[in-house]
N, C-alpha and C. Protein backbone atom coordinates (compact mmCIF):
# COMPACT_ATOMS: atom_id res chain seq x y z
N UNK A 1 168.28 12.85 220.77
CA UNK A 1 168.38 14.44 222.01
C UNK A 1 166.95 15.22 221.48
N UNK A 2 166.42 15.55 222.76
CA UNK A 2 164.65 16.45 222.68
C UNK A 2 165.26 17.64 221.81
N UNK A 3 163.99 18.20 221.20
CA UNK A 3 164.56 19.24 220.50
C UNK A 3 165.93 19.79 219.42
N UNK A 4 166.79 18.18 219.24
CA UNK A 4 168.21 18.51 218.59
C UNK A 4 168.90 19.47 219.19
N UNK A 5 168.58 19.46 220.36
CA UNK A 5 170.36 20.31 221.26
C UNK A 5 169.41 21.59 221.56
N UNK A 6 168.56 22.15 221.12
CA UNK A 6 168.29 23.78 221.59
C UNK A 6 167.71 23.90 222.70
N UNK A 7 169.12 24.17 223.74
CA UNK A 7 168.58 24.12 225.05
C UNK A 7 167.43 25.01 225.29
N UNK A 8 167.05 26.69 224.61
CA UNK A 8 165.70 27.27 225.09
C UNK A 8 164.88 26.42 225.13
N UNK A 9 164.39 25.94 224.06
CA UNK A 9 163.52 25.32 223.78
C UNK A 9 163.12 24.23 224.75
N UNK A 10 163.97 23.29 224.73
CA UNK A 10 164.32 22.67 226.42
C UNK A 10 163.37 23.28 227.43
N UNK A 11 164.02 24.21 228.16
CA UNK A 11 163.87 24.78 228.70
C UNK A 11 161.99 25.11 228.79
N UNK A 12 161.88 26.13 227.78
CA UNK A 12 160.32 26.18 227.92
C UNK A 12 159.55 25.29 227.89
N UNK A 13 160.12 23.86 227.14
CA UNK A 13 158.83 22.60 227.36
C UNK A 13 158.81 22.69 228.85
N UNK A 14 159.86 22.50 229.83
CA UNK A 14 160.39 21.68 230.90
C UNK A 14 159.51 22.57 231.84
N UNK A 15 159.12 23.92 231.79
CA UNK A 15 158.59 24.95 232.72
C UNK A 15 156.89 24.79 232.10
N UNK A 16 156.99 24.62 230.82
CA UNK A 16 155.20 24.59 230.58
C UNK A 16 154.88 22.61 231.26
N UNK A 17 155.88 22.10 230.98
CA UNK A 17 155.34 20.28 231.86
C UNK A 17 155.28 20.78 233.45
N UNK A 18 156.01 21.32 233.89
CA UNK A 18 156.07 21.25 235.44
C UNK A 18 154.64 22.40 235.47
N UNK A 19 154.01 22.59 235.41
CA UNK A 19 152.68 23.70 235.51
C UNK A 19 151.80 22.80 235.11
N UNK A 20 150.94 22.38 236.01
CA UNK A 20 149.56 21.39 235.62
C UNK A 20 148.47 22.13 234.65
N UNK A 21 148.19 23.15 234.83
CA UNK A 21 147.54 23.41 233.61
C UNK A 21 147.96 23.46 232.39
N UNK A 22 149.58 24.10 231.91
CA UNK A 22 149.58 24.20 231.26
C UNK A 22 150.22 23.19 230.76
N UNK A 23 150.82 21.93 231.61
CA UNK A 23 150.77 20.63 230.80
C UNK A 23 149.27 20.31 230.34
N UNK A 24 148.38 20.18 230.83
CA UNK A 24 146.99 19.46 230.60
C UNK A 24 146.70 20.02 229.33
N UNK A 25 146.76 21.48 229.33
CA UNK A 25 145.92 22.05 227.84
C UNK A 25 147.13 21.91 226.83
N UNK A 26 148.27 21.32 227.22
CA UNK A 26 149.03 21.09 225.84
C UNK A 26 149.04 19.30 225.19
N UNK A 27 147.79 18.87 226.36
CA UNK A 27 148.03 17.63 226.08
C UNK A 27 148.50 16.81 226.51
N UNK A 28 149.64 16.88 227.80
CA UNK A 28 150.47 15.75 228.15
C UNK A 28 150.10 15.60 228.75
N UNK A 29 150.57 13.91 229.30
CA UNK A 29 150.26 12.76 230.42
C UNK A 29 150.63 13.63 231.70
N UNK A 30 149.38 13.42 233.26
CA UNK A 30 149.27 14.23 234.02
C UNK A 30 150.65 13.16 234.89
N UNK A 31 151.13 13.94 235.02
CA UNK A 31 152.69 13.34 236.05
C UNK A 31 152.81 14.28 237.27
N UNK A 32 152.77 13.57 238.72
CA UNK A 32 152.85 13.82 239.59
C UNK A 32 153.73 14.95 240.38
N UNK A 33 152.95 16.04 240.91
CA UNK A 33 154.35 17.02 241.52
C UNK A 33 155.75 16.41 241.93
N UNK A 34 155.33 15.58 243.11
CA UNK A 34 156.63 15.17 243.49
C UNK A 34 157.66 14.54 242.22
N UNK A 35 157.25 13.97 241.48
CA UNK A 35 158.16 13.23 240.24
C UNK A 35 158.77 14.58 239.44
N UNK A 36 158.01 15.08 239.46
CA UNK A 36 158.64 16.34 238.27
C UNK A 36 159.53 17.38 239.58
N UNK A 37 159.36 17.73 240.76
CA UNK A 37 160.56 18.08 241.45
C UNK A 37 161.64 17.40 241.76
N UNK A 38 161.63 16.00 241.58
CA UNK A 38 162.78 14.73 241.52
C UNK A 38 163.55 15.28 240.30
N UNK A 39 162.79 14.97 239.15
CA UNK A 39 163.71 15.26 237.98
C UNK A 39 164.20 16.85 237.77
N UNK A 40 163.08 18.03 238.69
CA UNK A 40 163.96 19.34 238.34
C UNK A 40 164.86 19.55 239.38
N UNK A 41 165.19 18.80 240.37
CA UNK A 41 166.04 18.42 241.26
C UNK A 41 167.62 17.41 240.43
N UNK A 42 167.69 16.70 239.76
CA UNK A 42 167.98 15.17 239.25
C UNK A 42 168.81 16.46 238.20
N UNK A 43 167.88 16.83 236.92
CA UNK A 43 168.43 17.57 236.14
C UNK A 43 169.23 18.41 236.69
N UNK A 44 169.31 19.49 237.51
CA UNK A 44 170.04 20.41 238.06
C UNK A 44 171.61 19.85 238.43
N UNK A 45 171.33 18.64 239.13
CA UNK A 45 172.33 18.22 239.88
C UNK A 45 173.53 17.77 238.42
N UNK A 46 172.88 17.52 237.15
CA UNK A 46 173.87 17.07 236.44
C UNK A 46 173.78 18.12 235.61
N UNK A 47 173.49 19.25 235.52
CA UNK A 47 173.94 20.48 234.80
C UNK A 47 175.06 20.75 235.70
N UNK A 48 175.02 20.76 237.25
CA UNK A 48 175.68 21.19 238.05
C UNK A 48 177.85 20.36 237.75
N UNK A 49 177.41 18.86 237.72
CA UNK A 49 178.55 17.94 236.65
C UNK A 49 179.00 18.29 235.95
N UNK A 50 178.18 18.31 235.26
CA UNK A 50 178.29 18.83 233.55
C UNK A 50 179.41 20.32 233.76
N UNK A 51 179.22 21.08 234.43
CA UNK A 51 179.65 22.34 234.59
C UNK A 51 180.95 22.38 235.21
N UNK A 52 181.45 21.71 235.92
CA UNK A 52 182.69 21.08 236.59
C UNK A 52 183.82 20.70 236.27
N UNK A 53 182.63 19.72 235.37
CA UNK A 53 183.69 19.01 234.44
C UNK A 53 184.37 19.29 233.43
């Protein structure tokens, strides 16, 4: 699991990942905004499913 289950750190990383300038200065590989938006929506859907289980 990424960040050993630390949800706060995971959230902060994801926020950086979604901002092109922050992501670039962190040395992360560029990813299209459309793909990041899709992943963000998929993660939100999974979180909703987990909360309803």
